[in-house]
Amino acid sequence: MTYILNHPLAQIILIIIGAFVAQFIAHNTITRLIRRSIKRAKGETKIDERKREDTIINVVSSTFTALLWLLVVCLILYSLGVNVAALLTGAGLIGVFVGLSAQATIRDLLAGIFILAEEQYRVGDIIQLSGGTTGVNGASGKVEEITLRITKLRDDEGRLVTVRNGDPSVVINKTFSYSSVVIDVDVTYDSNIDEMQKIMNDIGQQIATEEEWKDRCTDPIKFLRVDNFTDNGVTVKAVGSVKPASQWDVEGEYRRRLLEAITKSTKVHLAHSK
């Protein structure tokens, strides 16, 4: 048994298992402590309090996780016989780190601290960010995650938008976890919106239950709202969720069926552009 425990591979496995256990325990402990300690401010709703709690939990947990796995890497290198102290204090490594990333990283971390302390936004808020000093176009969406270094948004099209806190340059991931289907249709003012809603919901449900399409659909496409008024009619919006990168095929099939259904309907008419 002693020989096995002294073997580097066994030590590495134990370190990794221990890290996962520590991460799980720490996350649950952090969550309980913060939910108990955060008190609702005057004039703050329960939803606002929950957002503030989620934001702090997210930041503290992600910071702990990053430090934990940095320690894990050091322990694994030590188990393999690497002189970790010499590696960390090596002039070349420190010089490269400081020269290439330290300044930007420190700026991001400080910005993250101010975002959290000043409650500029919280998890669950819908925000709009500029492009920062990089000249990249800004982005808007619902805040899904905040760490000390980055903020993650989910925009109206279901794309994951990653933004650096220190300089809100934008990275948009169109197929992370899921993709959204967004359908806008212009119909005339004399169209029956209730009938349009029924048509949209029926088609979305049909596609979501058919053998060819059901594996791609995670949330059936359904009527959302009357979205806008135009010169020729109103814009009606429908939304749904599909597996990553499946939105274009599903949108195409949905539009094909929607056009056919509206053409046959006597209560709904497409608006024509001038």
C-alpha atoms as a PDB file:
ATOM      1  CA  MET A   1       0.000   0.000   0.000  1.00  0.00           C
ATOM      2  CA  THR A   2       2.811   2.385   0.902  1.00  0.00           C
ATOM      3  CA  TYR A   3       4.512   1.661  -2.426  1.00  0.00           C
ATOM      4  CA  ILE A   4       1.313   2.450  -4.324  1.00  0.00           C
ATOM      5  CA  LEU A   5       0.803   5.737  -2.482  1.00  0.00           C
ATOM      6  CA  ASN A   6       4.383   6.722  -3.204  1.00  0.00           C
ATOM      7  CA  HIS A   7       3.908   6.161  -6.942  1.00  0.00           C
ATOM      8  CA  PRO A   8       3.562   9.513  -8.833  1.00  0.00           C
ATOM      9  CA  LEU A   9       0.505   8.348 -10.814  1.00  0.00           C
ATOM     10  CA  ALA A  10      -1.349   7.362  -7.633  1.00  0.00           C
ATOM     11  CA  GLN A  11      -0.449  10.681  -6.037  1.00  0.00           C
ATOM     12  CA  ILE A  12      -1.715  12.608  -9.067  1.00  0.00           C
ATOM     13  CA  ILE A  13      -5.027  10.696  -9.040  1.00  0.00           C
ATOM     14  CA  LEU A  14      -5.474  11.378  -5.317  1.00  0.00           C
ATOM     15  CA  ILE A  15      -4.673  15.070  -5.814  1.00  0.00           C
ATOM     16  CA  ILE A  16      -7.254  15.410  -8.584  1.00  0.00           C
ATOM     17  CA  ILE A  17      -9.924  13.525  -6.632  1.00  0.00           C
ATOM     18  CA  GLY A  18      -9.185  15.646  -3.579  1.00  0.00           C
ATOM     19  CA  ALA A  19      -9.473  18.798  -5.666  1.00  0.00           C
ATOM     20  CA  PHE A  20     -12.909  17.852  -6.992  1.00  0.00           C
ATOM     21  CA  VAL A  21     -14.109  17.012  -3.463  1.00  0.00           C
ATOM     22  CA  ALA A  22     -12.707  20.297  -2.117  1.00  0.00           C
ATOM     23  CA  GLN A  23     -14.334  22.240  -4.969  1.00  0.00           C
ATOM     24  CA  PHE A  24     -17.723  20.630  -4.309  1.00  0.00           C
ATOM     25  CA  ILE A  25     -17.566  21.227  -0.551  1.00  0.00           C
ATOM     26  CA  ALA A  26     -16.298  24.790  -0.966  1.00  0.00           C
ATOM     27  CA  HIS A  27     -19.017  25.713  -3.462  1.00  0.00           C
ATOM     28  CA  ASN A  28     -21.785  24.431  -1.188  1.00  0.00           C
ATOM     29  CA  THR A  29     -20.231  26.108   1.855  1.00  0.00           C
ATOM     30  CA  ILE A  30     -19.782  29.424   0.038  1.00  0.00           C
ATOM     31  CA  THR A  31     -23.377  29.292  -1.213  1.00  0.00           C
ATOM     32  CA  ARG A  32     -24.814  28.647   2.247  1.00  0.00           C
ATOM     33  CA  LEU A  33     -22.679  31.288   3.962  1.00  0.00           C
ATOM     34  CA  ILE A  34     -23.459  34.027   1.433  1.00  0.00           C
ATOM     35  CA  ARG A  35     -27.202  33.300   1.322  1.00  0.00           C
ATOM     36  CA  ARG A  36     -27.307  33.518   5.120  1.00  0.00           C
ATOM     37  CA  SER A  37     -25.134  36.611   5.443  1.00  0.00           C
ATOM     38  CA  ILE A  38     -26.570  38.799   2.663  1.00  0.00           C
ATOM     39  CA  LYS A  39     -29.374  40.995   3.962  1.00  0.00           C
ATOM     40  CA  ARG A  40     -31.892  42.740   1.787  1.00  0.00           C
ATOM     41  CA  ALA A  41     -31.155  46.449   1.429  1.00  0.00           C
ATOM     42  CA  LYS A  42     -33.849  49.060   1.964  1.00  0.00           C
ATOM     43  CA  GLY A  43     -36.114  49.216  -1.072  1.00  0.00           C
ATOM     44  CA  GLU A  44     -34.573  46.066  -2.555  1.00  0.00           C
ATOM     45  CA  THR A  45     -36.874  43.326  -3.804  1.00  0.00           C
ATOM     46  CA  LYS A  46     -36.400  39.603  -3.212  1.00  0.00           C
ATOM     47  CA  ILE A  47     -35.374  39.222  -6.847  1.00  0.00           C
ATOM     48  CA  ASP A  48     -32.712  41.941  -6.476  1.00  0.00           C
ATOM     49  CA  GLU A  49     -31.409  40.294  -3.329  1.00  0.00           C
ATOM     50  CA  ARG A  50     -31.198  36.949  -5.119  1.00  0.00           C
ATOM     51  CA  LYS A  51     -29.307  38.507  -8.022  1.00  0.00           C
ATOM     52  CA  ARG A  52     -26.799  40.061  -5.632  1.00  0.00           C
ATOM     53  CA  GLU A  53     -26.329  36.750  -3.828  1.00  0.00           C
ATOM     54  CA  ASP A  54     -25.864  34.833  -7.103  1.00  0.00           C
ATOM     55  CA  THR A  55     -23.306  37.353  -8.313  1.00  0.00           C
ATOM     56  CA  ILE A  56     -21.206  37.196  -5.148  1.00  0.00           C
ATOM     57  CA  ILE A  57     -21.435  33.392  -5.011  1.00  0.00           C
ATOM     58  CA  ASN A  58     -20.324  33.183  -8.627  1.00  0.00           C
ATOM     59  CA  VAL A  59     -17.327  35.471  -8.139  1.00  0.00           C
ATOM     60  CA  VAL A  60     -16.136  33.904  -4.876  1.00  0.00           C
ATOM     61  CA  SER A  61     -16.580  30.343  -6.175  1.00  0.00           C
ATOM     62  CA  SER A  62     -14.802  31.003  -9.464  1.00  0.00           C
ATOM     63  CA  THR A  63     -11.916  32.727  -7.680  1.00  0.00           C
ATOM     64  CA  PHE A  64     -11.552  29.828  -5.242  1.00  0.00           C
ATOM     65  CA  THR A  65     -11.704  27.324  -8.106  1.00  0.00           C
ATOM     66  CA  ALA A  66      -8.973  29.126 -10.050  1.00  0.00           C
ATOM     67  CA  LEU A  67      -6.667  29.222  -6.997  1.00  0.00           C
ATOM     68  CA  LEU A  68      -7.458  25.597  -6.165  1.00  0.00           C
ATOM     69  CA  TRP A  69      -6.528  24.289  -9.605  1.00  0.00           C
ATOM     70  CA  LEU A  70      -3.410  26.437  -9.682  1.00  0.00           C
ATOM     71  CA  LEU A  71      -2.409  24.656  -6.469  1.00  0.00           C
ATOM     72  CA  VAL A  72      -3.303  21.300  -8.056  1.00  0.00           C
ATOM     73  CA  VAL A  73      -0.990  21.993 -11.003  1.00  0.00           C
ATOM     74  CA  CYS A  74       1.845  22.863  -8.614  1.00  0.00           C
ATOM     75  CA  LEU A  75       1.264  19.683  -6.573  1.00  0.00           C
ATOM     76  CA  ILE A  76       1.202  17.520  -9.698  1.00  0.00           C
ATOM     77  CA  LEU A  77       4.460  19.058 -10.935  1.00  0.00           C
ATOM     78  CA  TYR A  78       5.980  18.460  -7.494  1.00  0.00           C
ATOM     79  CA  SER A  79       4.839  14.808  -7.605  1.00  0.00           C
ATOM     80  CA  LEU A  80       6.598  14.437 -10.942  1.00  0.00           C
ATOM     81  CA  GLY A  81       9.834  15.713  -9.429  1.00  0.00           C
ATOM     82  CA  VAL A  82       9.709  19.205 -10.914  1.00  0.00           C
ATOM     83  CA  ASN A  83      11.273  21.955  -8.826  1.00  0.00           C
ATOM     84  CA  VAL A  84       8.203  24.144  -8.580  1.00  0.00           C
ATOM     85  CA  ALA A  85       9.890  26.880  -6.573  1.00  0.00           C
ATOM     86  CA  ALA A  86      12.624  27.293  -9.154  1.00  0.00           C
ATOM     87  CA  LEU A  87      10.051  27.239 -11.943  1.00  0.00           C
ATOM     88  CA  LEU A  88       7.921  29.962 -10.380  1.00  0.00           C
ATOM     89  CA  THR A  89      10.878  32.191  -9.559  1.00  0.00           C
ATOM     90  CA  GLY A  90      12.629  31.736 -12.862  1.00  0.00           C
ATOM     91  CA  ALA A  91      13.355  35.130 -14.371  1.00  0.00           C
ATOM     92  CA  GLY A  92      12.313  34.033 -17.814  1.00  0.00           C
ATOM     93  CA  LEU A  93       8.888  32.741 -16.779  1.00  0.00           C
ATOM     94  CA  ILE A  94       8.098  35.710 -14.561  1.00  0.00           C
ATOM     95  CA  GLY A  95       9.265  38.118 -17.246  1.00  0.00           C
ATOM     96  CA  VAL A  96       7.058  36.554 -19.911  1.00  0.00           C
ATOM     97  CA  PHE A  97       4.062  36.484 -17.550  1.00  0.00           C
ATOM     98  CA  VAL A  98       4.390  40.095 -16.502  1.00  0.00           C
ATOM     99  CA  GLY A  99       5.204  41.346 -19.973  1.00  0.00           C
ATOM    100  CA  LEU A 100       2.419  39.573 -21.804  1.00  0.00           C
ATOM    101  CA  SER A 101      -0.491  39.238 -19.432  1.00  0.00           C
ATOM    102  CA  ALA A 102      -0.090  40.684 -15.962  1.00  0.00           C
ATOM    103  CA  GLN A 103      -1.061  44.261 -16.735  1.00  0.00           C
ATOM    104  CA  ALA A 104      -4.198  43.350 -18.667  1.00  0.00           C
ATOM    105  CA  THR A 105      -5.150  40.698 -16.122  1.00  0.00           C
ATOM    106  CA  ILE A 106      -4.709  43.049 -13.169  1.00  0.00           C
ATOM    107  CA  ARG A 107      -6.848  45.658 -14.947  1.00  0.00           C
ATOM    108  CA  ASP A 108      -9.574  43.070 -15.527  1.00  0.00           C
ATOM    109  CA  LEU A 109      -9.461  41.892 -11.905  1.00  0.00           C
ATOM    110  CA  LEU A 110      -9.671  45.421 -10.515  1.00  0.00           C
ATOM    111  CA  ALA A 111     -12.592  46.213 -12.838  1.00  0.00           C
ATOM    112  CA  GLY A 112     -14.314  43.025 -11.678  1.00  0.00           C
ATOM    113  CA  ILE A 113     -13.911  44.060  -8.050  1.00  0.00           C
ATOM    114  CA  PHE A 114     -15.471  47.467  -8.761  1.00  0.00           C
ATOM    115  CA  ILE A 115     -18.328  45.880 -10.751  1.00  0.00           C
ATOM    116  CA  LEU A 116     -19.100  43.669  -7.784  1.00  0.00           C
ATOM    117  CA  ALA A 117     -18.604  46.302  -5.070  1.00  0.00           C
ATOM    118  CA  GLU A 118     -20.613  48.994  -6.858  1.00  0.00           C
ATOM    119  CA  GLU A 119     -23.282  46.562  -8.132  1.00  0.00           C
ATOM    120  CA  GLN A 120     -22.958  47.933 -11.652  1.00  0.00           C
ATOM    121  CA  TYR A 121     -24.776  44.790 -12.791  1.00  0.00           C
ATOM    122  CA  ARG A 122     -25.579  41.377 -11.381  1.00  0.00           C
ATOM    123  CA  VAL A 123     -26.305  37.845 -12.573  1.00  0.00           C
ATOM    124  CA  GLY A 124     -29.764  37.922 -14.170  1.00  0.00           C
ATOM    125  CA  ASP A 125     -29.632  41.603 -15.196  1.00  0.00           C
ATOM    126  CA  ILE A 126     -30.077  42.561 -18.851  1.00  0.00           C
ATOM    127  CA  ILE A 127     -27.321  44.995 -19.823  1.00  0.00           C
ATOM    128  CA  GLN A 128     -25.714  46.655 -22.816  1.00  0.00           C
ATOM    129  CA  LEU A 129     -21.943  47.098 -23.066  1.00  0.00           C
ATOM    130  CA  SER A 130     -19.893  49.278 -25.364  1.00  0.00           C
ATOM    131  CA  GLY A 131     -16.918  48.002 -27.333  1.00  0.00           C
ATOM    132  CA  GLY A 132     -14.329  49.502 -25.005  1.00  0.00           C
ATOM    133  CA  THR A 133     -11.044  50.814 -26.358  1.00  0.00           C
ATOM    134  CA  THR A 134     -10.666  48.024 -28.893  1.00  0.00           C
ATOM    135  CA  GLY A 135     -13.185  49.429 -31.337  1.00  0.00           C
ATOM    136  CA  VAL A 136     -15.204  46.220 -31.308  1.00  0.00           C
ATOM    137  CA  ASN A 137     -18.974  46.712 -31.488  1.00  0.00           C
ATOM    138  CA  GLY A 138     -20.737  46.366 -28.165  1.00  0.00           C
ATOM    139  CA  ALA A 139     -23.191  43.702 -27.075  1.00  0.00           C
ATOM    140  CA  SER A 140     -26.287  43.364 -24.943  1.00  0.00           C
ATOM    141  CA  GLY A 141     -27.926  40.454 -23.193  1.00  0.00           C
ATOM    142  CA  LYS A 142     -28.751  38.755 -19.908  1.00  0.00           C
ATOM    143  CA  VAL A 143     -25.847  38.319 -17.502  1.00  0.00           C
ATOM    144  CA  GLU A 144     -25.246  34.581 -16.996  1.00  0.00           C
ATOM    145  CA  GLU A 145     -21.952  34.678 -15.138  1.00  0.00           C
ATOM    146  CA  ILE A 146     -19.576  37.186 -13.576  1.00  0.00           C
ATOM    147  CA  THR A 147     -16.025  36.417 -12.487  1.00  0.00           C
ATOM    148  CA  LEU A 148     -13.357  38.867 -11.421  1.00  0.00           C
ATOM    149  CA  ARG A 149     -11.926  38.775 -14.956  1.00  0.00           C
ATOM    150  CA  ILE A 150     -14.831  38.299 -17.377  1.00  0.00           C
ATOM    151  CA  THR A 151     -18.590  38.693 -17.755  1.00  0.00           C
ATOM    152  CA  LYS A 152     -20.732  36.301 -19.812  1.00  0.00           C
ATOM    153  CA  LEU A 153     -23.970  37.433 -21.457  1.00  0.00           C
ATOM    154  CA  ARG A 154     -26.641  35.564 -23.403  1.00  0.00           C
ATOM    155  CA  ASP A 155     -28.041  37.792 -26.166  1.00  0.00           C
ATOM    156  CA  ASP A 156     -31.474  37.736 -27.845  1.00  0.00           C
ATOM    157  CA  GLU A 157     -30.280  35.222 -30.431  1.00  0.00           C
ATOM    158  CA  GLY A 158     -29.054  32.798 -27.761  1.00  0.00           C
ATOM    159  CA  ARG A 159     -25.381  33.500 -28.434  1.00  0.00           C
ATOM    160  CA  LEU A 160     -22.920  33.461 -25.536  1.00  0.00           C
ATOM    161  CA  VAL A 161     -21.065  36.784 -25.340  1.00  0.00           C
ATOM    162  CA  THR A 162     -17.827  36.869 -23.319  1.00  0.00           C
ATOM    163  CA  VAL A 163     -16.594  40.291 -22.234  1.00  0.00           C
ATOM    164  CA  ARG A 164     -13.387  41.243 -20.406  1.00  0.00           C
ATOM    165  CA  ASN A 165     -14.196  43.379 -17.370  1.00  0.00           C
ATOM    166  CA  GLY A 166     -11.221  45.714 -17.812  1.00  0.00           C
ATOM    167  CA  ASP A 167     -11.931  46.470 -21.458  1.00  0.00           C
ATOM    168  CA  PRO A 168     -15.300  45.265 -22.719  1.00  0.00           C
ATOM    169  CA  SER A 169     -14.092  43.805 -25.985  1.00  0.00           C
ATOM    170  CA  VAL A 170     -16.616  41.254 -27.202  1.00  0.00           C
ATOM    171  CA  VAL A 171     -16.338  37.552 -28.064  1.00  0.00           C
ATOM    172  CA  ILE A 172     -19.588  36.026 -29.351  1.00  0.00           C
ATOM    173  CA  ASN A 173     -20.139  32.250 -29.353  1.00  0.00           C
ATOM    174  CA  LYS A 174     -23.144  31.394 -31.546  1.00  0.00           C
ATOM    175  CA  THR A 175     -23.380  27.735 -30.526  1.00  0.00           C
ATOM    176  CA  PHE A 176     -22.539  27.443 -26.813  1.00  0.00           C
ATOM    177  CA  SER A 177     -24.816  25.020 -24.913  1.00  0.00           C
ATOM    178  CA  TYR A 178     -27.816  25.847 -27.117  1.00  0.00           C
ATOM    179  CA  SER A 179     -28.860  28.098 -29.993  1.00  0.00           C
ATOM    180  CA  SER A 180     -31.967  30.237 -30.240  1.00  0.00           C
ATOM    181  CA  VAL A 181     -34.410  30.416 -33.127  1.00  0.00           C
ATOM    182  CA  VAL A 182     -35.855  33.901 -33.627  1.00  0.00           C
ATOM    183  CA  ILE A 183     -38.600  34.363 -36.226  1.00  0.00           C
ATOM    184  CA  ASP A 184     -39.960  37.809 -37.179  1.00  0.00           C
ATOM    185  CA  VAL A 185     -42.976  37.961 -39.500  1.00  0.00           C
ATOM    186  CA  ASP A 186     -44.763  41.078 -40.778  1.00  0.00           C
ATOM    187  CA  VAL A 187     -48.540  40.682 -41.083  1.00  0.00           C
ATOM    188  CA  THR A 188     -51.189  43.216 -42.091  1.00  0.00           C
ATOM    189  CA  TYR A 189     -53.135  45.273 -39.545  1.00  0.00           C
ATOM    190  CA  ASP A 190     -56.355  43.427 -40.291  1.00  0.00           C
ATOM    191  CA  SER A 191     -54.777  40.050 -39.478  1.00  0.00           C
ATOM    192  CA  ASN A 192     -56.144  38.090 -36.523  1.00  0.00           C
ATOM    193  CA  ILE A 193     -53.237  37.947 -34.050  1.00  0.00           C
ATOM    194  CA  ASP A 194     -54.855  35.165 -32.029  1.00  0.00           C
ATOM    195  CA  GLU A 195     -54.990  33.063 -35.178  1.00  0.00           C
ATOM    196  CA  MET A 196     -51.362  33.945 -35.937  1.00  0.00           C
ATOM    197  CA  GLN A 197     -50.384  32.858 -32.434  1.00  0.00           C
ATOM    198  CA  LYS A 198     -52.177  29.538 -32.884  1.00  0.00           C
ATOM    199  CA  ILE A 199     -50.509  28.920 -36.263  1.00  0.00           C
ATOM    200  CA  MET A 200     -47.042  29.698 -34.876  1.00  0.00           C
ATOM    201  CA  ASN A 201     -47.498  27.499 -31.804  1.00  0.00           C
ATOM    202  CA  ASP A 202     -48.970  24.585 -33.770  1.00  0.00           C
ATOM    203  CA  ILE A 203     -46.103  24.560 -36.272  1.00  0.00           C
ATOM    204  CA  GLY A 204     -43.504  24.795 -33.516  1.00  0.00           C
ATOM    205  CA  GLN A 205     -45.099  21.876 -31.686  1.00  0.00           C
ATOM    206  CA  GLN A 206     -45.315  19.795 -34.864  1.00  0.00           C
ATOM    207  CA  ILE A 207     -41.616  20.251 -35.623  1.00  0.00           C
ATOM    208  CA  ALA A 208     -40.617  19.513 -32.017  1.00  0.00           C
ATOM    209  CA  THR A 209     -42.455  16.154 -32.047  1.00  0.00           C
ATOM    210  CA  GLU A 210     -41.574  14.867 -35.527  1.00  0.00           C
ATOM    211  CA  GLU A 211     -38.932  12.152 -35.786  1.00  0.00           C
ATOM    212  CA  GLU A 212     -36.739  14.129 -38.176  1.00  0.00           C
ATOM    213  CA  TRP A 213     -36.600  17.245 -36.021  1.00  0.00           C
ATOM    214  CA  LYS A 214     -37.311  16.365 -32.384  1.00  0.00           C
ATOM    215  CA  ASP A 215     -33.690  15.534 -31.518  1.00  0.00           C
ATOM    216  CA  ARG A 216     -32.647  19.039 -32.577  1.00  0.00           C
ATOM    217  CA  CYS A 217     -35.332  20.945 -30.657  1.00  0.00           C
ATOM    218  CA  THR A 218     -34.883  21.645 -26.938  1.00  0.00           C
ATOM    219  CA  ASP A 219     -37.745  24.144 -26.594  1.00  0.00           C
ATOM    220  CA  PRO A 220     -40.496  24.315 -29.272  1.00  0.00           C
ATOM    221  CA  ILE A 221     -40.770  27.536 -31.274  1.00  0.00           C
ATOM    222  CA  LYS A 222     -43.747  29.525 -30.012  1.00  0.00           C
ATOM    223  CA  PHE A 223     -45.375  32.919 -30.286  1.00  0.00           C
ATOM    224  CA  LEU A 224     -43.652  35.541 -28.105  1.00  0.00           C
ATOM    225  CA  ARG A 225     -45.258  38.914 -28.750  1.00  0.00           C
ATOM    226  CA  VAL A 226     -46.301  41.601 -31.198  1.00  0.00           C
ATOM    227  CA  ASP A 227     -42.878  43.177 -31.559  1.00  0.00           C
ATOM    228  CA  ASN A 228     -43.240  46.272 -33.722  1.00  0.00           C
ATOM    229  CA  PHE A 229     -45.511  48.438 -35.862  1.00  0.00           C
ATOM    230  CA  THR A 230     -44.517  49.120 -39.462  1.00  0.00           C
ATOM    231  CA  ASP A 231     -45.982  51.165 -42.325  1.00  0.00           C
ATOM    232  CA  ASN A 232     -47.720  48.075 -43.703  1.00  0.00           C
ATOM    233  CA  GLY A 233     -48.573  46.066 -40.610  1.00  0.00           C
ATOM    234  CA  VAL A 234     -47.201  44.602 -37.386  1.00  0.00           C
ATOM    235  CA  THR A 235     -44.152  42.450 -36.703  1.00  0.00           C
ATOM    236  CA  VAL A 236     -44.878  39.256 -34.807  1.00  0.00           C
ATOM    237  CA  LYS A 237     -42.030  37.424 -33.069  1.00  0.00           C
ATOM    238  CA  ALA A 238     -41.660  33.723 -32.249  1.00  0.00           C
ATOM    239  CA  VAL A 239     -38.726  32.136 -30.401  1.00  0.00           C
ATOM    240  CA  GLY A 240     -37.455  28.679 -29.478  1.00  0.00           C
ATOM    241  CA  SER A 241     -34.287  26.797 -28.566  1.00  0.00           C
ATOM    242  CA  VAL A 242     -32.439  24.099 -30.505  1.00  0.00           C
ATOM    243  CA  LYS A 243     -29.234  22.095 -30.277  1.00  0.00           C
ATOM    244  CA  PRO A 244     -26.084  24.113 -31.088  1.00  0.00           C
ATOM    245  CA  ALA A 245     -25.688  24.951 -34.801  1.00  0.00           C
ATOM    246  CA  SER A 246     -29.134  23.515 -35.651  1.00  0.00           C
ATOM    247  CA  GLN A 247     -30.937  26.850 -35.769  1.00  0.00           C
ATOM    248  CA  TRP A 248     -30.538  27.471 -39.492  1.00  0.00           C
ATOM    249  CA  ASP A 249     -32.097  24.164 -40.562  1.00  0.00           C
ATOM    250  CA  VAL A 250     -34.940  24.441 -38.047  1.00  0.00           C
ATOM    251  CA  GLU A 251     -35.608  28.085 -38.945  1.00  0.00           C
ATOM    252  CA  GLY A 252     -35.787  27.200 -42.635  1.00  0.00           C
ATOM    253  CA  GLU A 253     -38.264  24.368 -42.069  1.00  0.00           C
ATOM    254  CA  TYR A 254     -40.351  26.511 -39.707  1.00  0.00           C
ATOM    255  CA  ARG A 255     -40.537  29.402 -42.192  1.00  0.00           C
ATOM    256  CA  ARG A 256     -41.510  27.038 -45.018  1.00  0.00           C
ATOM    257  CA  ARG A 257     -44.418  25.639 -43.027  1.00  0.00           C
ATOM    258  CA  LEU A 258     -45.385  29.061 -41.704  1.00  0.00           C
ATOM    259  CA  LEU A 259     -45.593  30.492 -45.223  1.00  0.00           C
ATOM    260  CA  GLU A 260     -47.765  27.581 -46.341  1.00  0.00           C
ATOM    261  CA  ALA A 261     -50.097  27.958 -43.335  1.00  0.00           C
ATOM    262  CA  ILE A 262     -50.473  31.733 -43.700  1.00  0.00           C
ATOM    263  CA  THR A 263     -51.166  31.373 -47.431  1.00  0.00           C
ATOM    264  CA  LYS A 264     -54.048  28.999 -46.661  1.00  0.00           C
ATOM    265  CA  SER A 265     -55.433  31.108 -43.820  1.00  0.00           C
ATOM    266  CA  THR A 266     -58.248  33.587 -44.367  1.00  0.00           C
ATOM    267  CA  LYS A 267     -57.586  35.412 -41.089  1.00  0.00           C
ATOM    268  CA  VAL A 268     -53.857  36.177 -41.420  1.00  0.00           C
ATOM    269  CA  HIS A 269     -52.146  37.985 -44.301  1.00  0.00           C
ATOM    270  CA  LEU A 270     -48.500  38.745 -44.894  1.00  0.00           C
ATOM    271  CA  ALA A 271     -47.600  42.427 -45.131  1.00  0.00           C
ATOM    272  CA  HIS A 272     -45.885  43.424 -48.359  1.00  0.00           C
ATOM    273  CA  SER A 273     -42.965  45.845 -48.408  1.00  0.00           C
ATOM    274  CA  LYS A 274     -43.310  48.932 -50.547  1.00  0.00           C
END
